[in-house]
Amino acid sequence: MKNIIVTGSSRGIGLAIAQAFLAKGYKVLGTSTSGTSMLNEANFECFPLRLNDPESVTTFCDAIKNYSIDGIINNAAILLEDWSRTEVDLQQLRQTFEVNVFGTIDLTEHLLPLLNTGSRIINLSSGWGTFSESGFNAMVPHYKMSKTVLNMYTKLLAKRLESRKIVVSAVNPGWVQTDMGGGGAPVKPQEVGKQIINLFEKNTKSGHLWYNGKISEW
């Protein structure tokens, strides 16, 4: 049985991704800030993880150090700002980067020694983090910048891990019906879950951004 880590698995996209992997017979090691989840399945374990706390990252990695890992789905992220604001608030920028950038990178780097040859790393990105975004505007600057950095980390990590045949990808899930995206979004979390597991099982092209099952421009 393959072991998959899904961060932020207690709700929204992360929950849908965890459910998609469980339905295919994977063991899912999920995380939430509280260490609890609505999922109650034999092949699911939930661990507390706060990405803005380096000690929490270390504790989580110690808790799973005896597992061999076949995949990491870096889903957990925060969006703090009002969608209509364009100004940069340095406090919000720092808070956003602590989770979406530094915490995600810290966790991934800690987990690299546990990854099996041929594993997959999938980073949940956003069209807002691309330079090719259609209809670009100045709103949501902190979140957008954090996802742009995550995209570059994806490309860099893909190069680093070529010799281990580990495929590293970023995914733009689109505008999704979550607490972050709102109820008016056109994409359901379950659709994203299907996209992620399909990419996980079939993709061998490392270092790319994917959207709707196709390679997209950064």
N, C-alpha and C. Protein backbone atom coordinates (compact mmCIF):
# COMPACT_ATOMS: atom_id res chain seq x y z
N MET A 1 0.83 -1.19 0.00
CA MET A 1 0.00 0.00 0.00
C MET A 1 0.88 1.25 0.00
N LYS A 2 0.57 2.19 -0.89
CA LYS A 2 1.35 3.42 -0.97
C LYS A 2 0.87 4.44 0.05
N ASN A 3 1.83 5.19 0.61
CA ASN A 3 1.55 6.19 1.63
C ASN A 3 1.62 7.59 1.05
N ILE A 4 0.54 8.36 1.23
CA ILE A 4 0.43 9.70 0.67
C ILE A 4 0.19 10.69 1.79
N ILE A 5 0.94 11.79 1.79
CA ILE A 5 0.72 12.88 2.72
C ILE A 5 -0.13 13.95 2.04
N VAL A 6 -1.22 14.35 2.71
CA VAL A 6 -2.07 15.42 2.20
C VAL A 6 -2.21 16.46 3.29
N THR A 7 -1.64 17.64 3.08
CA THR A 7 -1.75 18.69 4.10
C THR A 7 -3.08 19.43 3.96
N GLY A 8 -3.60 19.90 5.08
CA GLY A 8 -4.87 20.61 5.07
C GLY A 8 -6.01 19.71 4.64
N SER A 9 -6.05 18.49 5.19
CA SER A 9 -7.00 17.48 4.72
C SER A 9 -8.33 17.49 5.47
N SER A 10 -8.56 18.47 6.32
CA SER A 10 -9.78 18.46 7.12
C SER A 10 -10.99 19.07 6.42
N ARG A 11 -10.76 19.78 5.33
CA ARG A 11 -11.88 20.42 4.64
C ARG A 11 -11.47 20.81 3.22
N GLY A 12 -12.47 21.24 2.45
CA GLY A 12 -12.23 21.79 1.13
C GLY A 12 -11.48 20.88 0.18
N ILE A 13 -10.54 21.45 -0.54
CA ILE A 13 -9.78 20.70 -1.54
C ILE A 13 -9.00 19.57 -0.89
N GLY A 14 -8.37 19.84 0.25
CA GLY A 14 -7.58 18.82 0.91
C GLY A 14 -8.39 17.60 1.29
N LEU A 15 -9.60 17.83 1.81
CA LEU A 15 -10.50 16.73 2.17
C LEU A 15 -10.87 15.93 0.93
N ALA A 16 -11.19 16.61 -0.15
CA ALA A 16 -11.56 15.93 -1.39
C ALA A 16 -10.40 15.11 -1.95
N ILE A 17 -9.20 15.65 -1.84
CA ILE A 17 -8.01 14.92 -2.31
C ILE A 17 -7.80 13.67 -1.46
N ALA A 18 -7.89 13.81 -0.15
CA ALA A 18 -7.73 12.65 0.73
C ALA A 18 -8.76 11.59 0.41
N GLN A 19 -10.00 11.98 0.20
CA GLN A 19 -11.05 11.02 -0.13
C GLN A 19 -10.78 10.32 -1.46
N ALA A 20 -10.26 11.05 -2.43
CA ALA A 20 -9.96 10.45 -3.74
C ALA A 20 -8.87 9.39 -3.62
N PHE A 21 -7.84 9.66 -2.83
CA PHE A 21 -6.78 8.67 -2.64
C PHE A 21 -7.27 7.47 -1.84
N LEU A 22 -8.07 7.70 -0.83
CA LEU A 22 -8.60 6.60 -0.04
C LEU A 22 -9.47 5.69 -0.89
N ALA A 23 -10.25 6.27 -1.79
CA ALA A 23 -11.12 5.47 -2.66
C ALA A 23 -10.33 4.57 -3.59
N LYS A 24 -9.06 4.94 -3.85
CA LYS A 24 -8.21 4.14 -4.73
C LYS A 24 -7.31 3.18 -3.93
N GLY A 25 -7.49 3.10 -2.62
CA GLY A 25 -6.75 2.13 -1.82
C GLY A 25 -5.42 2.60 -1.27
N TYR A 26 -5.19 3.90 -1.27
CA TYR A 26 -3.95 4.43 -0.71
C TYR A 26 -4.09 4.62 0.81
N LYS A 27 -2.96 4.65 1.50
CA LYS A 27 -2.91 5.07 2.89
C LYS A 27 -2.67 6.57 2.89
N VAL A 28 -3.52 7.33 3.57
CA VAL A 28 -3.41 8.78 3.60
C VAL A 28 -3.02 9.26 4.99
N LEU A 29 -1.93 10.00 5.04
CA LEU A 29 -1.50 10.67 6.26
C LEU A 29 -1.88 12.13 6.10
N GLY A 30 -2.97 12.51 6.74
CA GLY A 30 -3.48 13.86 6.59
C GLY A 30 -3.02 14.77 7.71
N THR A 31 -3.19 16.06 7.50
CA THR A 31 -2.85 17.03 8.54
C THR A 31 -3.94 18.08 8.66
N SER A 32 -4.06 18.61 9.85
CA SER A 32 -4.90 19.78 10.10
C SER A 32 -4.29 20.52 11.28
N THR A 33 -4.65 21.76 11.47
CA THR A 33 -4.06 22.52 12.57
C THR A 33 -4.42 21.91 13.92
N SER A 34 -5.60 21.29 14.00
CA SER A 34 -6.04 20.69 15.26
C SER A 34 -5.68 19.22 15.40
N GLY A 35 -5.31 18.58 14.28
CA GLY A 35 -5.02 17.15 14.30
C GLY A 35 -6.27 16.30 14.24
N THR A 36 -7.41 16.90 13.88
CA THR A 36 -8.67 16.16 13.78
C THR A 36 -9.23 16.30 12.37
N SER A 37 -10.10 15.35 12.01
CA SER A 37 -10.71 15.35 10.69
C SER A 37 -12.05 14.64 10.76
N MET A 38 -12.93 14.97 9.84
CA MET A 38 -14.22 14.28 9.76
C MET A 38 -14.08 12.89 9.16
N LEU A 39 -12.94 12.61 8.54
CA LEU A 39 -12.73 11.29 7.95
C LEU A 39 -12.49 10.25 9.04
N ASN A 40 -13.14 9.11 8.90
CA ASN A 40 -13.00 8.03 9.87
C ASN A 40 -12.86 6.72 9.10
N GLU A 41 -11.69 6.52 8.51
CA GLU A 41 -11.44 5.33 7.70
C GLU A 41 -10.16 4.66 8.16
N ALA A 42 -10.10 3.35 7.97
CA ALA A 42 -8.96 2.57 8.47
C ALA A 42 -7.64 3.02 7.88
N ASN A 43 -7.66 3.47 6.64
CA ASN A 43 -6.41 3.85 5.95
C ASN A 43 -6.11 5.34 6.05
N PHE A 44 -6.74 6.01 7.00
CA PHE A 44 -6.52 7.45 7.18
C PHE A 44 -6.07 7.76 8.60
N GLU A 45 -5.00 8.53 8.69
CA GLU A 45 -4.55 9.07 9.98
C GLU A 45 -4.41 10.57 9.84
N CYS A 46 -4.80 11.30 10.89
CA CYS A 46 -4.68 12.75 10.87
C CYS A 46 -3.73 13.21 11.96
N PHE A 47 -2.83 14.09 11.61
CA PHE A 47 -1.81 14.59 12.52
C PHE A 47 -1.93 16.11 12.65
N PRO A 48 -1.63 16.66 13.81
CA PRO A 48 -1.59 18.12 13.93
C PRO A 48 -0.39 18.70 13.20
N LEU A 49 -0.60 19.78 12.49
CA LEU A 49 0.49 20.45 11.79
C LEU A 49 0.14 21.91 11.59
N ARG A 50 1.01 22.78 12.08
CA ARG A 50 0.89 24.21 11.85
C ARG A 50 2.11 24.64 11.05
N LEU A 51 1.90 24.96 9.80
CA LEU A 51 3.02 25.24 8.91
C LEU A 51 3.78 26.51 9.28
N ASN A 52 3.16 27.38 10.05
CA ASN A 52 3.86 28.60 10.47
C ASN A 52 4.66 28.40 11.74
N ASP A 53 4.78 27.16 12.18
CA ASP A 53 5.51 26.83 13.41
C ASP A 53 6.55 25.75 13.10
N PRO A 54 7.83 26.11 12.98
CA PRO A 54 8.87 25.13 12.65
C PRO A 54 8.91 23.93 13.61
N GLU A 55 8.61 24.16 14.87
CA GLU A 55 8.60 23.05 15.83
C GLU A 55 7.48 22.06 15.51
N SER A 56 6.33 22.57 15.07
CA SER A 56 5.22 21.71 14.67
C SER A 56 5.59 20.88 13.45
N VAL A 57 6.29 21.49 12.50
CA VAL A 57 6.75 20.77 11.31
C VAL A 57 7.69 19.62 11.72
N THR A 58 8.62 19.91 12.60
CA THR A 58 9.57 18.89 13.07
C THR A 58 8.85 17.76 13.80
N THR A 59 7.89 18.12 14.64
CA THR A 59 7.14 17.11 15.39
C THR A 59 6.36 16.19 14.46
N PHE A 60 5.72 16.77 13.45
CA PHE A 60 4.99 15.96 12.48
C PHE A 60 5.92 15.01 11.74
N CYS A 61 7.05 15.51 11.29
CA CYS A 61 7.99 14.67 10.54
C CYS A 61 8.55 13.55 11.42
N ASP A 62 8.77 13.83 12.68
CA ASP A 62 9.21 12.78 13.61
C ASP A 62 8.13 11.72 13.78
N ALA A 63 6.87 12.13 13.79
CA ALA A 63 5.76 11.21 14.01
C ALA A 63 5.60 10.22 12.85
N ILE A 64 6.02 10.62 11.64
CA ILE A 64 5.83 9.73 10.49
C ILE A 64 7.16 9.20 9.93
N LYS A 65 8.23 9.33 10.68
CA LYS A 65 9.56 9.00 10.16
C LYS A 65 9.73 7.53 9.82
N ASN A 66 8.88 6.68 10.34
CA ASN A 66 8.99 5.24 10.05
C ASN A 66 8.20 4.83 8.82
N TYR A 67 7.50 5.78 8.20
CA TYR A 67 6.79 5.50 6.95
C TYR A 67 7.72 5.76 5.77
N SER A 68 7.57 4.96 4.73
CA SER A 68 8.16 5.32 3.44
C SER A 68 7.06 6.04 2.67
N ILE A 69 7.40 7.17 2.09
CA ILE A 69 6.39 8.04 1.49
C ILE A 69 6.45 7.96 -0.04
N ASP A 70 5.27 7.83 -0.64
CA ASP A 70 5.17 7.75 -2.10
C ASP A 70 4.64 9.03 -2.73
N GLY A 71 4.14 9.93 -1.90
CA GLY A 71 3.63 11.17 -2.45
C GLY A 71 3.37 12.22 -1.39
N ILE A 72 3.60 13.48 -1.77
CA ILE A 72 3.27 14.61 -0.91
C ILE A 72 2.36 15.54 -1.70
N ILE A 73 1.20 15.83 -1.14
CA ILE A 73 0.29 16.80 -1.75
C ILE A 73 0.28 18.02 -0.84
N ASN A 74 1.00 19.05 -1.25
CA ASN A 74 1.08 20.28 -0.46
C ASN A 74 -0.12 21.16 -0.79
N ASN A 75 -1.17 20.97 0.00
CA ASN A 75 -2.43 21.68 -0.24
C ASN A 75 -2.67 22.83 0.72
N ALA A 76 -2.25 22.69 1.97
CA ALA A 76 -2.57 23.68 3.00
C ALA A 76 -2.04 25.07 2.64
N ALA A 77 -2.89 26.06 2.79
CA ALA A 77 -2.50 27.45 2.49
C ALA A 77 -3.51 28.38 3.13
N ILE A 78 -3.14 29.65 3.21
CA ILE A 78 -4.05 30.65 3.76
C ILE A 78 -4.16 31.83 2.79
N LEU A 79 -5.32 32.49 2.85
CA LEU A 79 -5.55 33.75 2.15
C LEU A 79 -6.18 34.68 3.17
N LEU A 80 -5.45 35.71 3.58
CA LEU A 80 -5.88 36.58 4.67
C LEU A 80 -6.55 37.86 4.22
N GLU A 81 -6.24 38.34 3.03
CA GLU A 81 -6.64 39.68 2.65
C GLU A 81 -8.05 39.75 2.07
N ASP A 82 -8.62 40.92 2.14
CA ASP A 82 -9.87 41.21 1.45
C ASP A 82 -9.59 41.20 -0.05
N TRP A 83 -10.44 40.52 -0.81
CA TRP A 83 -10.20 40.36 -2.24
C TRP A 83 -10.17 41.68 -2.99
N SER A 84 -10.74 42.73 -2.45
CA SER A 84 -10.82 44.01 -3.17
C SER A 84 -9.61 44.90 -2.90
N ARG A 85 -8.75 44.52 -1.96
CA ARG A 85 -7.61 45.38 -1.59
C ARG A 85 -6.40 45.12 -2.49
N THR A 86 -5.70 46.19 -2.80
CA THR A 86 -4.49 46.07 -3.63
C THR A 86 -3.22 46.43 -2.88
N GLU A 87 -3.36 47.10 -1.74
CA GLU A 87 -2.18 47.54 -0.99
C GLU A 87 -1.47 46.37 -0.34
N VAL A 88 -0.17 46.49 -0.20
CA VAL A 88 0.62 45.48 0.49
C VAL A 88 0.65 45.82 1.98
N ASP A 89 0.23 44.86 2.77
CA ASP A 89 0.29 44.95 4.23
C ASP A 89 1.40 44.01 4.67
N LEU A 90 2.49 44.54 5.16
CA LEU A 90 3.66 43.71 5.45
C LEU A 90 3.39 42.64 6.49
N GLN A 91 2.52 42.94 7.44
CA GLN A 91 2.20 41.92 8.43
C GLN A 91 1.47 40.75 7.79
N GLN A 92 0.48 41.05 6.95
CA GLN A 92 -0.23 39.98 6.25
C GLN A 92 0.67 39.25 5.27
N LEU A 93 1.57 39.98 4.63
CA LEU A 93 2.50 39.34 3.71
C LEU A 93 3.38 38.33 4.44
N ARG A 94 3.90 38.74 5.59
CA ARG A 94 4.74 37.83 6.38
C ARG A 94 3.94 36.61 6.85
N GLN A 95 2.72 36.83 7.33
CA GLN A 95 1.89 35.73 7.79
C GLN A 95 1.58 34.75 6.66
N THR A 96 1.29 35.30 5.49
CA THR A 96 0.98 34.46 4.33
C THR A 96 2.18 33.63 3.90
N PHE A 97 3.34 34.27 3.84
CA PHE A 97 4.55 33.56 3.44
C PHE A 97 4.97 32.51 4.48
N GLU A 98 4.70 32.76 5.76
CA GLU A 98 5.06 31.79 6.79
C GLU A 98 4.39 30.45 6.54
N VAL A 99 3.15 30.47 6.05
CA VAL A 99 2.42 29.24 5.77
C VAL A 99 2.63 28.76 4.34
N ASN A 100 2.30 29.62 3.37
CA ASN A 100 2.26 29.20 1.97
C ASN A 100 3.63 28.96 1.35
N VAL A 101 4.65 29.62 1.89
CA VAL A 101 6.00 29.49 1.33
C VAL A 101 6.94 28.78 2.30
N PHE A 102 7.30 29.46 3.39
CA PHE A 102 8.31 28.92 4.29
C PHE A 102 7.88 27.60 4.93
N GLY A 103 6.64 27.54 5.39
CA GLY A 103 6.17 26.32 6.02
C GLY A 103 6.09 25.15 5.05
N THR A 104 5.58 25.43 3.86
CA THR A 104 5.47 24.38 2.84
C THR A 104 6.85 23.87 2.42
N ILE A 105 7.78 24.79 2.23
CA ILE A 105 9.14 24.39 1.86
C ILE A 105 9.82 23.65 3.01
N ASP A 106 9.67 24.15 4.22
CA ASP A 106 10.26 23.50 5.40
C ASP A 106 9.78 22.06 5.51
N LEU A 107 8.47 21.86 5.40
CA LEU A 107 7.90 20.51 5.47
C LEU A 107 8.45 19.62 4.37
N THR A 108 8.43 20.10 3.15
CA THR A 108 8.88 19.30 2.02
C THR A 108 10.34 18.90 2.16
N GLU A 109 11.18 19.83 2.56
CA GLU A 109 12.60 19.53 2.72
C GLU A 109 12.82 18.49 3.81
N HIS A 110 12.06 18.56 4.89
CA HIS A 110 12.16 17.56 5.96
C HIS A 110 11.76 16.17 5.46
N LEU A 111 10.80 16.12 4.52
CA LEU A 111 10.25 14.84 4.08
C LEU A 111 11.04 14.19 2.94
N LEU A 112 11.91 14.93 2.28
CA LEU A 112 12.62 14.38 1.12
C LEU A 112 13.35 13.07 1.41
N PRO A 113 14.00 12.91 2.58
CA PRO A 113 14.69 11.64 2.84
C PRO A 113 13.75 10.44 2.95
N LEU A 114 12.47 10.69 3.21
CA LEU A 114 11.50 9.59 3.36
C LEU A 114 10.88 9.18 2.04
N LEU A 115 11.11 9.95 0.98
CA LEU A 115 10.46 9.68 -0.30
C LEU A 115 11.10 8.51 -1.04
N ASN A 116 10.26 7.63 -1.54
CA ASN A 116 10.73 6.51 -2.35
C ASN A 116 11.10 6.99 -3.75
N THR A 117 11.96 6.24 -4.42
CA THR A 117 12.26 6.51 -5.83
C THR A 117 10.97 6.44 -6.63
N GLY A 118 10.78 7.40 -7.51
CA GLY A 118 9.57 7.42 -8.33
C GLY A 118 8.37 8.05 -7.66
N SER A 119 8.58 8.70 -6.54
CA SER A 119 7.47 9.34 -5.83
C SER A 119 6.97 10.57 -6.58
N ARG A 120 5.92 11.16 -6.05
CA ARG A 120 5.33 12.35 -6.63
C ARG A 120 5.18 13.43 -5.56
N ILE A 121 5.48 14.68 -5.94
CA ILE A 121 5.19 15.84 -5.10
C ILE A 121 4.30 16.76 -5.92
N ILE A 122 3.14 17.10 -5.38
CA ILE A 122 2.21 17.98 -6.08
C ILE A 122 1.92 19.18 -5.19
N ASN A 123 2.24 20.36 -5.69
CA ASN A 123 2.01 21.60 -4.96
C ASN A 123 0.76 22.28 -5.50
N LEU A 124 -0.21 22.53 -4.61
CA LEU A 124 -1.41 23.25 -5.03
C LEU A 124 -1.08 24.73 -5.19
N SER A 125 -1.09 25.18 -6.41
CA SER A 125 -0.77 26.56 -6.72
C SER A 125 -2.05 27.31 -7.06
N SER A 126 -1.96 28.29 -7.95
CA SER A 126 -3.11 29.09 -8.32
C SER A 126 -2.81 29.84 -9.61
N GLY A 127 -3.85 30.06 -10.40
CA GLY A 127 -3.68 30.91 -11.57
C GLY A 127 -3.27 32.32 -11.18
N TRP A 128 -3.62 32.71 -9.95
CA TRP A 128 -3.23 34.01 -9.44
C TRP A 128 -1.72 34.13 -9.24
N GLY A 129 -1.04 33.01 -9.19
CA GLY A 129 0.40 33.04 -8.97
C GLY A 129 1.22 32.97 -10.25
N THR A 130 0.55 33.06 -11.40
CA THR A 130 1.25 32.95 -12.68
C THR A 130 1.41 34.32 -13.33
N PHE A 131 2.45 34.44 -14.15
CA PHE A 131 2.65 35.67 -14.92
C PHE A 131 1.77 35.68 -16.17
N SER A 132 1.20 34.52 -16.50
CA SER A 132 0.36 34.42 -17.69
C SER A 132 -1.13 34.56 -17.37
N GLU A 133 -1.44 34.94 -16.12
CA GLU A 133 -2.84 35.02 -15.70
C GLU A 133 -3.68 35.92 -16.61
N SER A 134 -4.80 35.38 -17.05
CA SER A 134 -5.72 36.17 -17.87
C SER A 134 -6.47 37.16 -16.98
N GLY A 135 -6.61 38.38 -17.45
CA GLY A 135 -7.32 39.39 -16.68
C GLY A 135 -6.58 39.81 -15.42
N PHE A 136 -5.25 39.87 -15.50
CA PHE A 136 -4.43 40.20 -14.33
C PHE A 136 -4.84 41.53 -13.72
N ASN A 137 -4.87 41.57 -12.39
CA ASN A 137 -5.11 42.82 -11.68
C ASN A 137 -4.25 42.85 -10.42
N ALA A 138 -4.31 43.95 -9.68
CA ALA A 138 -3.42 44.15 -8.53
C ALA A 138 -4.00 43.65 -7.21
N MET A 139 -5.17 43.01 -7.25
CA MET A 139 -5.82 42.55 -6.02
C MET A 139 -5.16 41.28 -5.46
N VAL A 140 -5.34 41.04 -4.20
CA VAL A 140 -4.84 39.86 -3.48
C VAL A 140 -3.32 39.70 -3.64
N PRO A 141 -2.54 40.74 -3.37
CA PRO A 141 -1.10 40.68 -3.65
C PRO A 141 -0.33 39.66 -2.82
N HIS A 142 -0.69 39.49 -1.55
CA HIS A 142 0.09 38.61 -0.67
C HIS A 142 -0.05 37.15 -1.12
N TYR A 143 -1.27 36.74 -1.37
CA TYR A 143 -1.53 35.36 -1.81
C TYR A 143 -0.88 35.11 -3.17
N LYS A 144 -1.04 36.06 -4.08
CA LYS A 144 -0.48 35.89 -5.42
C LYS A 144 1.04 35.72 -5.37
N MET A 145 1.71 36.56 -4.61
CA MET A 145 3.17 36.46 -4.51
C MET A 145 3.60 35.14 -3.88
N SER A 146 2.84 34.67 -2.90
CA SER A 146 3.20 33.40 -2.25
C SER A 146 3.12 32.23 -3.23
N LYS A 147 2.12 32.24 -4.08
CA LYS A 147 1.97 31.14 -5.04
C LYS A 147 3.00 31.24 -6.17
N THR A 148 3.41 32.45 -6.50
CA THR A 148 4.48 32.60 -7.49
C THR A 148 5.78 31.98 -6.98
N VAL A 149 6.10 32.23 -5.72
CA VAL A 149 7.30 31.62 -5.13
C VAL A 149 7.17 30.10 -5.11
N LEU A 150 5.99 29.60 -4.78
CA LEU A 150 5.78 28.15 -4.76
C LEU A 150 5.99 27.55 -6.14
N ASN A 151 5.59 28.27 -7.18
CA ASN A 151 5.81 27.79 -8.55
C ASN A 151 7.31 27.65 -8.84
N MET A 152 8.10 28.64 -8.46
CA MET A 152 9.54 28.54 -8.69
C MET A 152 10.16 27.40 -7.88
N TYR A 153 9.70 27.21 -6.65
CA TYR A 153 10.19 26.10 -5.84
C TYR A 153 9.89 24.77 -6.53
N THR A 154 8.73 24.69 -7.16
CA THR A 154 8.35 23.48 -7.90
C THR A 154 9.37 23.19 -9.00
N LYS A 155 9.73 24.20 -9.77
CA LYS A 155 10.69 24.00 -10.86
C LYS A 155 12.07 23.64 -10.33
N LEU A 156 12.50 24.33 -9.30
CA LEU A 156 13.82 24.05 -8.72
C LEU A 156 13.89 22.64 -8.15
N LEU A 157 12.85 22.24 -7.43
CA LEU A 157 12.84 20.92 -6.81
C LEU A 157 12.80 19.82 -7.86
N ALA A 158 12.07 20.07 -8.94
CA ALA A 158 12.02 19.09 -10.02
C ALA A 158 13.41 18.79 -10.57
N LYS A 159 14.21 19.83 -10.74
CA LYS A 159 15.58 19.66 -11.22
C LYS A 159 16.43 18.89 -10.21
N ARG A 160 16.30 19.26 -8.94
CA ARG A 160 17.09 18.61 -7.89
C ARG A 160 16.82 17.12 -7.79
N LEU A 161 15.59 16.72 -8.04
CA LEU A 161 15.18 15.34 -7.78
C LEU A 161 15.13 14.46 -9.02
N GLU A 162 15.66 14.97 -10.13
CA GLU A 162 15.65 14.18 -11.37
C GLU A 162 16.31 12.82 -11.20
N SER A 163 17.45 12.78 -10.50
CA SER A 163 18.19 11.53 -10.36
C SER A 163 17.43 10.49 -9.55
N ARG A 164 16.50 10.93 -8.73
CA ARG A 164 15.68 10.00 -7.93
C ARG A 164 14.37 9.67 -8.63
N LYS A 165 14.19 10.18 -9.82
CA LYS A 165 12.98 9.95 -10.61
C LYS A 165 11.71 10.37 -9.85
N ILE A 166 11.84 11.43 -9.08
CA ILE A 166 10.69 11.98 -8.36
C ILE A 166 10.09 13.10 -9.20
N VAL A 167 8.82 12.98 -9.51
CA VAL A 167 8.12 13.97 -10.35
C VAL A 167 7.52 15.05 -9.46
N VAL A 168 7.86 16.29 -9.75
CA VAL A 168 7.37 17.43 -8.97
C VAL A 168 6.50 18.30 -9.88
N SER A 169 5.28 18.56 -9.44
CA SER A 169 4.33 19.32 -10.25
C SER A 169 3.64 20.38 -9.42
N ALA A 170 3.17 21.42 -10.09
CA ALA A 170 2.26 22.39 -9.48
C ALA A 170 0.93 22.29 -10.21
N VAL A 171 -0.14 22.53 -9.46
CA VAL A 171 -1.48 22.44 -10.05
C VAL A 171 -2.25 23.72 -9.77
N ASN A 172 -2.82 24.29 -10.82
CA ASN A 172 -3.78 25.38 -10.69
C ASN A 172 -5.16 24.76 -10.70
N PRO A 173 -5.85 24.70 -9.55
CA PRO A 173 -7.14 24.02 -9.50
C PRO A 173 -8.29 24.86 -10.03
N GLY A 174 -8.02 26.13 -10.35
CA GLY A 174 -9.10 27.02 -10.75
C GLY A 174 -9.81 27.62 -9.55
N TRP A 175 -10.97 28.19 -9.80
CA TRP A 175 -11.76 28.82 -8.74
C TRP A 175 -12.68 27.77 -8.15
N VAL A 176 -12.41 27.39 -6.90
CA VAL A 176 -13.04 26.21 -6.30
C VAL A 176 -13.96 26.61 -5.16
N GLN A 177 -15.06 25.86 -5.02
CA GLN A 177 -16.03 26.08 -3.94
C GLN A 177 -15.47 25.62 -2.60
N THR A 178 -14.82 26.52 -1.90
CA THR A 178 -14.26 26.24 -0.58
C THR A 178 -14.52 27.44 0.32
N ASP A 179 -14.11 27.34 1.57
CA ASP A 179 -14.20 28.50 2.46
C ASP A 179 -13.42 29.67 1.89
N MET A 180 -12.29 29.37 1.23
CA MET A 180 -11.47 30.42 0.64
C MET A 180 -12.09 30.95 -0.64
N GLY A 181 -12.57 30.06 -1.50
CA GLY A 181 -13.06 30.46 -2.80
C GLY A 181 -14.49 30.97 -2.81
N GLY A 182 -15.29 30.54 -1.81
CA GLY A 182 -16.69 30.96 -1.75
C GLY A 182 -17.62 30.02 -2.48
N GLY A 183 -18.89 30.12 -2.16
CA GLY A 183 -19.88 29.21 -2.72
C GLY A 183 -20.22 29.46 -4.17
N GLY A 184 -19.83 30.63 -4.71
CA GLY A 184 -20.14 30.94 -6.10
C GLY A 184 -19.13 30.43 -7.11
N ALA A 185 -18.09 29.79 -6.63
CA ALA A 185 -17.05 29.28 -7.54
C ALA A 185 -17.59 28.16 -8.42
N PRO A 186 -17.09 28.03 -9.65
CA PRO A 186 -17.64 27.04 -10.58
C PRO A 186 -17.11 25.62 -10.41
N VAL A 187 -16.01 25.45 -9.69
CA VAL A 187 -15.37 24.12 -9.58
C VAL A 187 -15.62 23.53 -8.20
N LYS A 188 -16.03 22.28 -8.16
CA LYS A 188 -16.26 21.59 -6.89
C LYS A 188 -14.95 20.93 -6.43
N PRO A 189 -14.74 20.84 -5.11
CA PRO A 189 -13.52 20.21 -4.61
C PRO A 189 -13.31 18.79 -5.11
N GLN A 190 -14.41 18.05 -5.29
CA GLN A 190 -14.30 16.66 -5.76
C GLN A 190 -13.69 16.58 -7.16
N GLU A 191 -13.96 17.59 -7.99
CA GLU A 191 -13.36 17.62 -9.33
C GLU A 191 -11.85 17.78 -9.23
N VAL A 192 -11.41 18.61 -8.28
CA VAL A 192 -9.97 18.80 -8.08
C VAL A 192 -9.34 17.52 -7.56
N GLY A 193 -10.02 16.83 -6.64
CA GLY A 193 -9.52 15.56 -6.14
C GLY A 193 -9.26 14.56 -7.25
N LYS A 194 -10.18 14.49 -8.21
CA LYS A 194 -10.02 13.59 -9.35
C LYS A 194 -8.84 14.00 -10.22
N GLN A 195 -8.67 15.31 -10.42
CA GLN A 195 -7.54 15.80 -11.21
C GLN A 195 -6.21 15.45 -10.56
N ILE A 196 -6.15 15.61 -9.24
CA ILE A 196 -4.90 15.36 -8.52
C ILE A 196 -4.50 13.90 -8.59
N ILE A 197 -5.43 13.00 -8.33
CA ILE A 197 -5.06 11.59 -8.34
C ILE A 197 -4.76 11.11 -9.76
N ASN A 198 -5.42 11.68 -10.75
CA ASN A 198 -5.11 11.32 -12.13
C ASN A 198 -3.70 11.77 -12.49
N LEU A 199 -3.34 12.98 -12.06
CA LEU A 199 -1.99 13.48 -12.30
C LEU A 199 -0.97 12.64 -11.55
N PHE A 200 -1.29 12.29 -10.33
CA PHE A 200 -0.39 11.48 -9.50
C PHE A 200 -0.08 10.14 -10.15
N GLU A 201 -1.10 9.51 -10.71
CA GLU A 201 -0.93 8.15 -11.23
C GLU A 201 -0.40 8.11 -12.66
N LYS A 202 -0.59 9.17 -13.43
CA LYS A 202 -0.25 9.10 -14.85
C LYS A 202 0.86 10.03 -15.30
N ASN A 203 1.14 11.07 -14.54
CA ASN A 203 2.10 12.07 -15.01
C ASN A 203 3.55 11.64 -14.78
N THR A 204 4.37 11.79 -15.79
CA THR A 204 5.81 11.55 -15.67
C THR A 204 6.62 12.78 -16.10
N LYS A 205 5.93 13.89 -16.36
CA LYS A 205 6.60 15.11 -16.84
C LYS A 205 6.81 16.05 -15.67
N SER A 206 8.02 16.08 -15.16
CA SER A 206 8.32 16.85 -13.96
C SER A 206 8.58 18.32 -14.27
N GLY A 207 8.27 19.17 -13.26
CA GLY A 207 8.62 20.58 -13.37
C GLY A 207 7.66 21.44 -14.13
N HIS A 208 6.38 21.07 -14.14
CA HIS A 208 5.38 21.83 -14.90
C HIS A 208 4.22 22.25 -14.02
N LEU A 209 3.50 23.28 -14.49
CA LEU A 209 2.23 23.70 -13.91
C LEU A 209 1.11 23.09 -14.74
N TRP A 210 0.13 22.50 -14.06
CA TRP A 210 -0.98 21.83 -14.74
C TRP A 210 -2.30 22.54 -14.44
N TYR A 211 -3.16 22.57 -15.45
CA TYR A 211 -4.50 23.14 -15.30
C TYR A 211 -5.47 22.33 -16.15
N ASN A 212 -6.51 21.80 -15.54
CA ASN A 212 -7.50 20.98 -16.24
C ASN A 212 -6.85 19.82 -17.00
N GLY A 213 -5.85 19.21 -16.39
CA GLY A 213 -5.23 18.02 -16.97
C GLY A 213 -4.22 18.30 -18.06
N LYS A 214 -3.89 19.57 -18.29
CA LYS A 214 -2.92 19.92 -19.33
C LYS A 214 -1.83 20.83 -18.76
N ILE A 215 -0.65 20.77 -19.38
CA ILE A 215 0.44 21.66 -18.97
C ILE A 215 0.06 23.09 -19.31
N SER A 216 0.28 23.99 -18.34
CA SER A 216 -0.11 25.38 -18.47
C SER A 216 1.11 26.28 -18.38
N GLU A 217 0.98 27.51 -18.82
CA GLU A 217 2.09 28.46 -18.75
C GLU A 217 2.24 29.02 -17.34
N TRP A 218 3.50 29.22 -16.95
CA TRP A 218 3.77 29.82 -15.66
C TRP A 218 3.41 31.31 -15.68
